[in-house]
Amino acid sequence: MAEKQSAHRQALEKAVVESNCKAQSRGQWFAFILALVVICGGVYLLAEGRSLEGFSAIILAVGSIIGALIYGRTEQRKERESKLRPLPEQPAPPRQKSN
């Protein structure tokens, strides 16, 4: 019974991990498409002679991408460091006085 429960739990964990990976990949594709559209819009605005709006759109898109990459790397580094740190020792439960 314990082996069956363990196999079931492992199957659930595998499904969750695979689902998270797919969602993360899908989010990256959506972000790429959105950034590409904004950059193309900026190039179009530049071609129409609206330089301030065009450059603003391009800088916004590129800045967002760079910001997301920096944030992601920082969070990954924090997570790795927290996993390397040893667990704090738990205080011993208080002893009851016996009378």
PDB file of N, CA and C in Angstrom:
ATOM      1  N   MET A   1       0.815  -1.176   0.000  1.00  0.00           N
ATOM      2  CA  MET A   1       0.000   0.000   0.000  1.00  0.00           C
ATOM      3  C   MET A   1       0.874   1.261   0.000  1.00  0.00           C
ATOM      4  N   ALA A   2       1.963   1.217   0.765  1.00  0.00           N
ATOM      5  CA  ALA A   2       2.863   2.372   0.823  1.00  0.00           C
ATOM      6  C   ALA A   2       3.548   2.584  -0.524  1.00  0.00           C
ATOM      7  N   GLU A   3       3.919   1.491  -1.191  1.00  0.00           N
ATOM      8  CA  GLU A   3       4.556   1.622  -2.505  1.00  0.00           C
ATOM      9  C   GLU A   3       3.586   2.220  -3.519  1.00  0.00           C
ATOM     10  N   LYS A   4       2.328   1.819  -3.436  1.00  0.00           N
ATOM     11  CA  LYS A   4       1.313   2.341  -4.339  1.00  0.00           C
ATOM     12  C   LYS A   4       1.118   3.843  -4.104  1.00  0.00           C
ATOM     13  N   GLN A   5       1.073   4.243  -2.847  1.00  0.00           N
ATOM     14  CA  GLN A   5       0.910   5.658  -2.508  1.00  0.00           C
ATOM     15  C   GLN A   5       2.131   6.456  -2.959  1.00  0.00           C
ATOM     16  N   SER A   6       3.308   5.882  -2.791  1.00  0.00           N
ATOM     17  CA  SER A   6       4.542   6.553  -3.207  1.00  0.00           C
ATOM     18  C   SER A   6       4.570   6.744  -4.725  1.00  0.00           C
ATOM     19  N   ALA A   7       4.177   5.734  -5.459  1.00  0.00           N
ATOM     20  CA  ALA A   7       4.140   5.833  -6.924  1.00  0.00           C
ATOM     21  C   ALA A   7       3.119   6.885  -7.366  1.00  0.00           C
ATOM     22  N   HIS A   8       1.983   6.916  -6.677  1.00  0.00           N
ATOM     23  CA  HIS A   8       0.955   7.911  -7.003  1.00  0.00           C
ATOM     24  C   HIS A   8       1.471   9.320  -6.733  1.00  0.00           C
ATOM     25  N   ARG A   9       2.117   9.522  -5.601  1.00  0.00           N
ATOM     26  CA  ARG A   9       2.661  10.834  -5.250  1.00  0.00           C
ATOM     27  C   ARG A   9       3.722  11.262  -6.261  1.00  0.00           C
ATOM     28  N   GLN A  10       4.578  10.335  -6.676  1.00  0.00           N
ATOM     29  CA  GLN A  10       5.609  10.659  -7.667  1.00  0.00           C
ATOM     30  C   GLN A  10       4.988  11.020  -9.007  1.00  0.00           C
ATOM     31  N   ALA A  11       3.917  10.341  -9.380  1.00  0.00           N
ATOM     32  CA  ALA A  11       3.230  10.652 -10.630  1.00  0.00           C
ATOM     33  C   ALA A  11       2.608  12.047 -10.571  1.00  0.00           C
ATOM     34  N   LEU A  12       2.019  12.387  -9.425  1.00  0.00           N
ATOM     35  CA  LEU A  12       1.450  13.724  -9.257  1.00  0.00           C
ATOM     36  C   LEU A  12       2.526  14.804  -9.322  1.00  0.00           C
ATOM     37  N   GLU A  13       3.639  14.568  -8.648  1.00  0.00           N
ATOM     38  CA  GLU A  13       4.729  15.545  -8.663  1.00  0.00           C
ATOM     39  C   GLU A  13       5.292  15.714 -10.066  1.00  0.00           C
ATOM     40  N   LYS A  14       5.399  14.629 -10.803  1.00  0.00           N
ATOM     41  CA  LYS A  14       5.886  14.702 -12.183  1.00  0.00           C
ATOM     42  C   LYS A  14       4.929  15.519 -13.044  1.00  0.00           C
ATOM     43  N   ALA A  15       3.627  15.294 -12.861  1.00  0.00           N
ATOM     44  CA  ALA A  15       2.630  16.047 -13.629  1.00  0.00           C
ATOM     45  C   ALA A  15       2.705  17.541 -13.299  1.00  0.00           C
ATOM     46  N   VAL A  16       2.900  17.875 -12.029  1.00  0.00           N
ATOM     47  CA  VAL A  16       2.989  19.280 -11.628  1.00  0.00           C
ATOM     48  C   VAL A  16       4.227  19.928 -12.227  1.00  0.00           C
ATOM     49  N   VAL A  17       5.351  19.243 -12.174  1.00  0.00           N
ATOM     50  CA  VAL A  17       6.589  19.794 -12.722  1.00  0.00           C
ATOM     51  C   VAL A  17       6.466  19.997 -14.232  1.00  0.00           C
ATOM     52  N   GLU A  18       5.926  19.013 -14.928  1.00  0.00           N
ATOM     53  CA  GLU A  18       5.756  19.137 -16.383  1.00  0.00           C
ATOM     54  C   GLU A  18       4.800  20.280 -16.726  1.00  0.00           C
ATOM     55  N   SER A  19       3.730  20.416 -15.960  1.00  0.00           N
ATOM     56  CA  SER A  19       2.770  21.490 -16.189  1.00  0.00           C
ATOM     57  C   SER A  19       3.408  22.861 -15.948  1.00  0.00           C
ATOM     58  N   ASN A  20       4.202  22.979 -14.900  1.00  0.00           N
ATOM     59  CA  ASN A  20       4.891  24.239 -14.621  1.00  0.00           C
ATOM     60  C   ASN A  20       5.870  24.594 -15.736  1.00  0.00           C
ATOM     61  N   CYS A  21       6.577  23.592 -16.251  1.00  0.00           N
ATOM     62  CA  CYS A  21       7.521  23.845 -17.343  1.00  0.00           C
ATOM     63  C   CYS A  21       6.791  24.312 -18.599  1.00  0.00           C
ATOM     64  N   LYS A  22       5.667  23.682 -18.904  1.00  0.00           N
ATOM     65  CA  LYS A  22       4.888  24.088 -20.080  1.00  0.00           C
ATOM     66  C   LYS A  22       4.355  25.509 -19.909  1.00  0.00           C
ATOM     67  N   ALA A  23       3.860  25.827 -18.718  1.00  0.00           N
ATOM     68  CA  ALA A  23       3.322  27.169 -18.473  1.00  0.00           C
ATOM     69  C   ALA A  23       4.426  28.220 -18.568  1.00  0.00           C
ATOM     70  N   GLN A  24       5.590  27.895 -18.052  1.00  0.00           N
ATOM     71  CA  GLN A  24       6.712  28.823 -18.116  1.00  0.00           C
ATOM     72  C   GLN A  24       7.140  29.038 -19.570  1.00  0.00           C
ATOM     73  N   SER A  25       7.196  27.985 -20.337  1.00  0.00           N
ATOM     74  CA  SER A  25       7.562  28.090 -21.744  1.00  0.00           C
ATOM     75  C   SER A  25       6.536  28.907 -22.518  1.00  0.00           C
ATOM     76  N   ARG A  26       5.265  28.652 -22.244  1.00  0.00           N
ATOM     77  CA  ARG A  26       4.191  29.398 -22.909  1.00  0.00           C
ATOM     78  C   ARG A  26       4.278  30.884 -22.556  1.00  0.00           C
ATOM     79  N   GLY A  27       4.568  31.197 -21.314  1.00  0.00           N
ATOM     80  CA  GLY A  27       4.725  32.584 -20.895  1.00  0.00           C
ATOM     81  C   GLY A  27       5.887  33.264 -21.592  1.00  0.00           C
ATOM     82  N   GLN A  28       6.970  32.535 -21.771  1.00  0.00           N
ATOM     83  CA  GLN A  28       8.124  33.101 -22.467  1.00  0.00           C
ATOM     84  C   GLN A  28       7.784  33.397 -23.927  1.00  0.00           C
ATOM     85  N   TRP A  29       7.033  32.510 -24.569  1.00  0.00           N
ATOM     86  CA  TRP A  29       6.644  32.745 -25.964  1.00  0.00           C
ATOM     87  C   TRP A  29       5.726  33.957 -26.065  1.00  0.00           C
ATOM     88  N   PHE A  30       4.770  34.075 -25.152  1.00  0.00           N
ATOM     89  CA  PHE A  30       3.874  35.227 -25.178  1.00  0.00           C
ATOM     90  C   PHE A  30       4.645  36.520 -24.958  1.00  0.00           C
ATOM     91  N   ALA A  31       5.590  36.502 -24.041  1.00  0.00           N
ATOM     92  CA  ALA A  31       6.399  37.698 -23.776  1.00  0.00           C
ATOM     93  C   ALA A  31       7.242  38.054 -25.004  1.00  0.00           C
ATOM     94  N   PHE A  32       7.778  37.053 -25.672  1.00  0.00           N
ATOM     95  CA  PHE A  32       8.571  37.300 -26.877  1.00  0.00           C
ATOM     96  C   PHE A  32       7.707  37.918 -27.971  1.00  0.00           C
ATOM     97  N   ILE A  33       6.527  37.361 -28.186  1.00  0.00           N
ATOM     98  CA  ILE A  33       5.634  37.887 -29.222  1.00  0.00           C
ATOM     99  C   ILE A  33       5.210  39.315 -28.887  1.00  0.00           C
ATOM    100  N   LEU A  34       4.868  39.566 -27.630  1.00  0.00           N
ATOM    101  CA  LEU A  34       4.474  40.904 -27.224  1.00  0.00           C
ATOM    102  C   LEU A  34       5.613  41.908 -27.421  1.00  0.00           C
ATOM    103  N   ALA A  35       6.821  41.529 -27.017  1.00  0.00           N
ATOM    104  CA  ALA A  35       7.970  42.424 -27.203  1.00  0.00           C
ATOM    105  C   ALA A  35       8.231  42.669 -28.682  1.00  0.00           C
ATOM    106  N   LEU A  36       8.100  41.635 -29.501  1.00  0.00           N
ATOM    107  CA  LEU A  36       8.305  41.786 -30.944  1.00  0.00           C
ATOM    108  C   LEU A  36       7.275  42.741 -31.550  1.00  0.00           C
ATOM    109  N   VAL A  37       6.030  42.633 -31.113  1.00  0.00           N
ATOM    110  CA  VAL A  37       4.983  43.519 -31.612  1.00  0.00           C
ATOM    111  C   VAL A  37       5.269  44.965 -31.208  1.00  0.00           C
ATOM    112  N   VAL A  38       5.687  45.165 -29.953  1.00  0.00           N
ATOM    113  CA  VAL A  38       5.982  46.521 -29.489  1.00  0.00           C
ATOM    114  C   VAL A  38       7.177  47.096 -30.242  1.00  0.00           C
ATOM    115  N   ILE A  39       8.201  46.291 -30.460  1.00  0.00           N
ATOM    116  CA  ILE A  39       9.371  46.770 -31.212  1.00  0.00           C
ATOM    117  C   ILE A  39       8.985  47.100 -32.651  1.00  0.00           C
ATOM    118  N   CYS A  40       8.180  46.238 -33.271  1.00  0.00           N
ATOM    119  CA  CYS A  40       7.722  46.531 -34.642  1.00  0.00           C
ATOM    120  C   CYS A  40       6.877  47.807 -34.667  1.00  0.00           C
ATOM    121  N   GLY A  41       6.056  47.998 -33.652  1.00  0.00           N
ATOM    122  CA  GLY A  41       5.281  49.226 -33.555  1.00  0.00           C
ATOM    123  C   GLY A  41       6.179  50.443 -33.418  1.00  0.00           C
ATOM    124  N   GLY A  42       7.251  50.303 -32.645  1.00  0.00           N
ATOM    125  CA  GLY A  42       8.211  51.391 -32.506  1.00  0.00           C
ATOM    126  C   GLY A  42       8.912  51.709 -33.810  1.00  0.00           C
ATOM    127  N   VAL A  43       9.268  50.676 -34.550  1.00  0.00           N
ATOM    128  CA  VAL A  43       9.914  50.889 -35.858  1.00  0.00           C
ATOM    129  C   VAL A  43       8.930  51.571 -36.813  1.00  0.00           C
ATOM    130  N   TYR A  44       7.670  51.162 -36.774  1.00  0.00           N
ATOM    131  CA  TYR A  44       6.656  51.792 -37.613  1.00  0.00           C
ATOM    132  C   TYR A  44       6.515  53.272 -37.254  1.00  0.00           C
ATOM    133  N   LEU A  45       6.474  53.567 -35.959  1.00  0.00           N
ATOM    134  CA  LEU A  45       6.362  54.963 -35.531  1.00  0.00           C
ATOM    135  C   LEU A  45       7.581  55.772 -35.978  1.00  0.00           C
ATOM    136  N   LEU A  46       8.757  55.154 -35.913  1.00  0.00           N
ATOM    137  CA  LEU A  46       9.950  55.842 -36.393  1.00  0.00           C
ATOM    138  C   LEU A  46       9.841  56.135 -37.885  1.00  0.00           C
ATOM    139  N   ALA A  47       9.316  55.178 -38.637  1.00  0.00           N
ATOM    140  CA  ALA A  47       9.175  55.359 -40.082  1.00  0.00           C
ATOM    141  C   ALA A  47       8.150  56.445 -40.410  1.00  0.00           C
ATOM    142  N   GLU A  48       7.179  56.630 -39.533  1.00  0.00           N
ATOM    143  CA  GLU A  48       6.155  57.651 -39.739  1.00  0.00           C
ATOM    144  C   GLU A  48       6.612  59.035 -39.265  1.00  0.00           C
ATOM    145  N   GLY A  49       7.818  59.119 -38.737  1.00  0.00           N
ATOM    146  CA  GLY A  49       8.340  60.403 -38.313  1.00  0.00           C
ATOM    147  C   GLY A  49       8.029  60.754 -36.873  1.00  0.00           C
ATOM    148  N   ARG A  50       7.514  59.834 -36.113  1.00  0.00           N
ATOM    149  CA  ARG A  50       7.216  60.079 -34.707  1.00  0.00           C
ATOM    150  C   ARG A  50       8.341  59.475 -33.874  1.00  0.00           C
ATOM    151  N   SER A  51       9.466  60.142 -33.866  1.00  0.00           N
ATOM    152  CA  SER A  51      10.682  59.581 -33.271  1.00  0.00           C
ATOM    153  C   SER A  51      10.567  59.387 -31.765  1.00  0.00           C
ATOM    154  N   LEU A  52       9.971  60.316 -31.049  1.00  0.00           N
ATOM    155  CA  LEU A  52       9.874  60.178 -29.600  1.00  0.00           C
ATOM    156  C   LEU A  52       9.059  58.951 -29.212  1.00  0.00           C
ATOM    157  N   GLU A  53       7.907  58.797 -29.817  1.00  0.00           N
ATOM    158  CA  GLU A  53       7.058  57.645 -29.503  1.00  0.00           C
ATOM    159  C   GLU A  53       7.704  56.338 -29.955  1.00  0.00           C
ATOM    160  N   GLY A  54       8.354  56.346 -31.119  1.00  0.00           N
ATOM    161  CA  GLY A  54       9.005  55.138 -31.628  1.00  0.00           C
ATOM    162  C   GLY A  54      10.146  54.683 -30.743  1.00  0.00           C
ATOM    163  N   PHE A  55      11.022  55.628 -30.395  1.00  0.00           N
ATOM    164  CA  PHE A  55      12.132  55.266 -29.510  1.00  0.00           C
ATOM    165  C   PHE A  55      11.627  54.846 -28.130  1.00  0.00           C
ATOM    166  N   SER A  56      10.588  55.505 -27.647  1.00  0.00           N
ATOM    167  CA  SER A  56      10.025  55.142 -26.343  1.00  0.00           C
ATOM    168  C   SER A  56       9.505  53.709 -26.351  1.00  0.00           C
ATOM    169  N   ALA A  57       8.811  53.326 -27.411  1.00  0.00           N
ATOM    170  CA  ALA A  57       8.277  51.964 -27.496  1.00  0.00           C
ATOM    171  C   ALA A  57       9.396  50.937 -27.547  1.00  0.00           C
ATOM    172  N   ILE A  58      10.421  51.215 -28.338  1.00  0.00           N
ATOM    173  CA  ILE A  58      11.537  50.268 -28.461  1.00  0.00           C
ATOM    174  C   ILE A  58      12.281  50.160 -27.138  1.00  0.00           C
ATOM    175  N   ILE A  59      12.563  51.289 -26.510  1.00  0.00           N
ATOM    176  CA  ILE A  59      13.284  51.266 -25.229  1.00  0.00           C
ATOM    177  C   ILE A  59      12.458  50.571 -24.163  1.00  0.00           C
ATOM    178  N   LEU A  60      11.152  50.785 -24.151  1.00  0.00           N
ATOM    179  CA  LEU A  60      10.270  50.115 -23.195  1.00  0.00           C
ATOM    180  C   LEU A  60      10.331  48.595 -23.368  1.00  0.00           C
ATOM    181  N   ALA A  61      10.241  48.129 -24.596  1.00  0.00           N
ATOM    182  CA  ALA A  61      10.253  46.681 -24.852  1.00  0.00           C
ATOM    183  C   ALA A  61      11.593  46.061 -24.471  1.00  0.00           C
ATOM    184  N   VAL A  62      12.673  46.684 -24.919  1.00  0.00           N
ATOM    185  CA  VAL A  62      14.000  46.130 -24.619  1.00  0.00           C
ATOM    186  C   VAL A  62      14.287  46.213 -23.118  1.00  0.00           C
ATOM    187  N   GLY A  63      13.903  47.323 -22.494  1.00  0.00           N
ATOM    188  CA  GLY A  63      14.113  47.461 -21.049  1.00  0.00           C
ATOM    189  C   GLY A  63      13.331  46.436 -20.255  1.00  0.00           C
ATOM    190  N   SER A  64      12.119  46.138 -20.694  1.00  0.00           N
ATOM    191  CA  SER A  64      11.315  45.122 -20.008  1.00  0.00           C
ATOM    192  C   SER A  64      11.954  43.746 -20.113  1.00  0.00           C
ATOM    193  N   ILE A  65      12.460  43.426 -21.283  1.00  0.00           N
ATOM    194  CA  ILE A  65      13.115  42.126 -21.475  1.00  0.00           C
ATOM    195  C   ILE A  65      14.350  42.025 -20.584  1.00  0.00           C
ATOM    196  N   ILE A  66      15.172  43.062 -20.586  1.00  0.00           N
ATOM    197  CA  ILE A  66      16.383  43.054 -19.767  1.00  0.00           C
ATOM    198  C   ILE A  66      16.020  42.988 -18.286  1.00  0.00           C
ATOM    199  N   GLY A  67      15.020  43.751 -17.878  1.00  0.00           N
ATOM    200  CA  GLY A  67      14.590  43.723 -16.481  1.00  0.00           C
ATOM    201  C   GLY A  67      14.103  42.353 -16.057  1.00  0.00           C
ATOM    202  N   ALA A  68      13.340  41.698 -16.911  1.00  0.00           N
ATOM    203  CA  ALA A  68      12.839  40.355 -16.591  1.00  0.00           C
ATOM    204  C   ALA A  68      13.986  39.355 -16.480  1.00  0.00           C
ATOM    205  N   LEU A  69      14.972  39.467 -17.363  1.00  0.00           N
ATOM    206  CA  LEU A  69      16.122  38.556 -17.294  1.00  0.00           C
ATOM    207  C   LEU A  69      16.920  38.767 -16.008  1.00  0.00           C
ATOM    208  N   ILE A  70      17.157  40.021 -15.659  1.00  0.00           N
ATOM    209  CA  ILE A  70      17.917  40.310 -14.438  1.00  0.00           C
ATOM    210  C   ILE A  70      17.153  39.819 -13.218  1.00  0.00           C
ATOM    211  N   TYR A  71      15.848  40.078 -13.171  1.00  0.00           N
ATOM    212  CA  TYR A  71      15.031  39.628 -12.041  1.00  0.00           C
ATOM    213  C   TYR A  71      15.045  38.102 -11.932  1.00  0.00           C
ATOM    214  N   GLY A  72      14.889  37.425 -13.059  1.00  0.00           N
ATOM    215  CA  GLY A  72      14.890  35.957 -13.044  1.00  0.00           C
ATOM    216  C   GLY A  72      16.210  35.385 -12.570  1.00  0.00           C
ATOM    217  N   ARG A  73      17.310  35.940 -13.041  1.00  0.00           N
ATOM    218  CA  ARG A  73      18.622  35.452 -12.609  1.00  0.00           C
ATOM    219  C   ARG A  73      18.832  35.699 -11.120  1.00  0.00           C
ATOM    220  N   THR A  74      18.407  36.858 -10.637  1.00  0.00           N
ATOM    221  CA  THR A  74      18.554  37.174  -9.215  1.00  0.00           C
ATOM    222  C   THR A  74      17.754  36.197  -8.360  1.00  0.00           C
ATOM    223  N   GLU A  75      16.522  35.922  -8.767  1.00  0.00           N
ATOM    224  CA  GLU A  75      15.697  34.983  -8.013  1.00  0.00           C
ATOM    225  C   GLU A  75      16.277  33.573  -8.046  1.00  0.00           C
ATOM    226  N   GLN A  76      16.820  33.151  -9.189  1.00  0.00           N
ATOM    227  CA  GLN A  76      17.444  31.831  -9.269  1.00  0.00           C
ATOM    228  C   GLN A  76      18.648  31.748  -8.342  1.00  0.00           C
ATOM    229  N   ARG A  77      19.451  32.809  -8.317  1.00  0.00           N
ATOM    230  CA  ARG A  77      20.621  32.820  -7.449  1.00  0.00           C
ATOM    231  C   ARG A  77      20.203  32.737  -5.979  1.00  0.00           C
ATOM    232  N   LYS A  78      19.164  33.488  -5.596  1.00  0.00           N
ATOM    233  CA  LYS A  78      18.676  33.442  -4.215  1.00  0.00           C
ATOM    234  C   LYS A  78      18.176  32.048  -3.860  1.00  0.00           C
ATOM    235  N   GLU A  79      17.472  31.415  -4.802  1.00  0.00           N
ATOM    236  CA  GLU A  79      16.951  30.081  -4.544  1.00  0.00           C
ATOM    237  C   GLU A  79      18.083  29.065  -4.378  1.00  0.00           C
ATOM    238  N   ARG A  80      19.093  29.155  -5.246  1.00  0.00           N
ATOM    239  CA  ARG A  80      20.234  28.238  -5.121  1.00  0.00           C
ATOM    240  C   ARG A  80      20.956  28.448  -3.799  1.00  0.00           C
ATOM    241  N   GLU A  81      21.162  29.703  -3.408  1.00  0.00           N
ATOM    242  CA  GLU A  81      21.848  29.980  -2.146  1.00  0.00           C
ATOM    243  C   GLU A  81      21.044  29.487  -0.958  1.00  0.00           C
ATOM    244  N   SER A  82      19.714  29.623  -1.017  1.00  0.00           N
ATOM    245  CA  SER A  82      18.892  29.156   0.106  1.00  0.00           C
ATOM    246  C   SER A  82      18.920  27.632   0.198  1.00  0.00           C
ATOM    247  N   LYS A  83      19.053  26.957  -0.940  1.00  0.00           N
ATOM    248  CA  LYS A  83      19.121  25.492  -0.909  1.00  0.00           C
ATOM    249  C   LYS A  83      20.476  25.005  -0.415  1.00  0.00           C
ATOM    250  N   LEU A  84      21.523  25.809  -0.595  1.00  0.00           N
ATOM    251  CA  LEU A  84      22.846  25.406  -0.135  1.00  0.00           C
ATOM    252  C   LEU A  84      23.026  25.621   1.365  1.00  0.00           C
ATOM    253  N   ARG A  85      22.270  26.577   1.926  1.00  0.00           N
ATOM    254  CA  ARG A  85      22.381  26.859   3.348  1.00  0.00           C
ATOM    255  C   ARG A  85      21.867  25.684   4.159  1.00  0.00           C
ATOM    256  N   PRO A  86      22.571  25.339   5.244  1.00  0.00           N
ATOM    257  CA  PRO A  86      22.062  24.247   6.085  1.00  0.00           C
ATOM    258  C   PRO A  86      20.788  24.700   6.802  1.00  0.00           C
ATOM    259  N   LEU A  87      19.947  23.738   7.094  1.00  0.00           N
ATOM    260  CA  LEU A  87      18.709  24.035   7.799  1.00  0.00           C
ATOM    261  C   LEU A  87      19.032  24.470   9.224  1.00  0.00           C
ATOM    262  N   PRO A  88      18.292  25.451   9.732  1.00  0.00           N
ATOM    263  CA  PRO A  88      18.545  25.852  11.124  1.00  0.00           C
ATOM    264  C   PRO A  88      18.126  24.737  12.064  1.00  0.00           C
ATOM    265  N   GLU A  89      18.857  24.637  13.145  1.00  0.00           N
ATOM    266  CA  GLU A  89      18.534  23.587  14.106  1.00  0.00           C
ATOM    267  C   GLU A  89      17.282  23.972  14.865  1.00  0.00           C
ATOM    268  N   GLN A  90      16.446  22.993  15.072  1.00  0.00           N
ATOM    269  CA  GLN A  90      15.202  23.219  15.790  1.00  0.00           C
ATOM    270  C   GLN A  90      15.492  23.196  17.283  1.00  0.00           C
ATOM    271  N   PRO A  91      14.922  24.137  18.021  1.00  0.00           N
ATOM    272  CA  PRO A  91      15.142  24.105  19.473  1.00  0.00           C
ATOM    273  C   PRO A  91      14.463  22.876  20.072  1.00  0.00           C
ATOM    274  N   ALA A  92      15.066  22.377  21.107  1.00  0.00           N
ATOM    275  CA  ALA A  92      14.509  21.205  21.775  1.00  0.00           C
ATOM    276  C   ALA A  92      13.211  21.604  22.449  1.00  0.00           C
ATOM    277  N   PRO A  93      12.221  20.711  22.421  1.00  0.00           N
ATOM    278  CA  PRO A  93      10.956  21.044  23.085  1.00  0.00           C
ATOM    279  C   PRO A  93      11.183  21.203  24.581  1.00  0.00           C
ATOM    280  N   PRO A  94      10.470  22.116  25.209  1.00  0.00           N
ATOM    281  CA  PRO A  94      10.665  22.311  26.654  1.00  0.00           C
ATOM    282  C   PRO A  94      10.249  21.064  27.420  1.00  0.00           C
ATOM    283  N   ARG A  95      11.053  20.789  28.432  1.00  0.00           N
ATOM    284  CA  ARG A  95      10.767  19.607  29.260  1.00  0.00           C
ATOM    285  C   ARG A  95       9.799  19.977  30.349  1.00  0.00           C
ATOM    286  N   GLN A  96       8.899  19.083  30.592  1.00  0.00           N
ATOM    287  CA  GLN A  96       7.940  19.328  31.655  1.00  0.00           C
ATOM    288  C   GLN A  96       8.513  18.851  32.978  1.00  0.00           C
ATOM    289  N   LYS A  97       8.277  19.649  33.979  1.00  0.00           N
ATOM    290  CA  LYS A  97       8.770  19.269  35.303  1.00  0.00           C
ATOM    291  C   LYS A  97       7.916  18.170  35.867  1.00  0.00           C
ATOM    292  N   SER A  98       8.581  17.192  36.415  1.00  0.00           N
ATOM    293  CA  SER A  98       7.808  16.109  37.059  1.00  0.00           C
ATOM    294  C   SER A  98       7.875  16.303  38.547  1.00  0.00           C
ATOM    295  N   ASN A  99       6.754  16.259  39.199  1.00  0.00           N
ATOM    296  CA  ASN A  99       6.670  16.454  40.651  1.00  0.00           C
ATOM    297  C   ASN A  99       6.410  15.177  41.345  1.00  0.00           C
TER     298      ASN A  99
END
